[in-house]
Amino acid sequence: MLVTINGEERTIDDGLTLAELIGQLKMNPKFIAVERNRELVPRAEHSQCILKENDQLEIVTLVGGG
């Protein structure tokens, strides 16, 4: 199945959850924010969020500093 992640098309397995995708990308879910089709997905919902064909994902890494 095809999805777009940060503007790049990518093929992923059918039925993959957002949490599983984040794990495959080796990203720490504590330090990222994810929009799916322009709507923020709360971290608590990542494991229930099943990705669908043509989803548009924006994954942003949070950076602290002052």
Foldseek 3Di string as FASTA:
>chain_A
DWEAEQRRIDDDDAFDFQVNVCVVVVHDLVFKWKDWQNHTDDSVCRVVHGDDPHIYMYIGGHDDDD
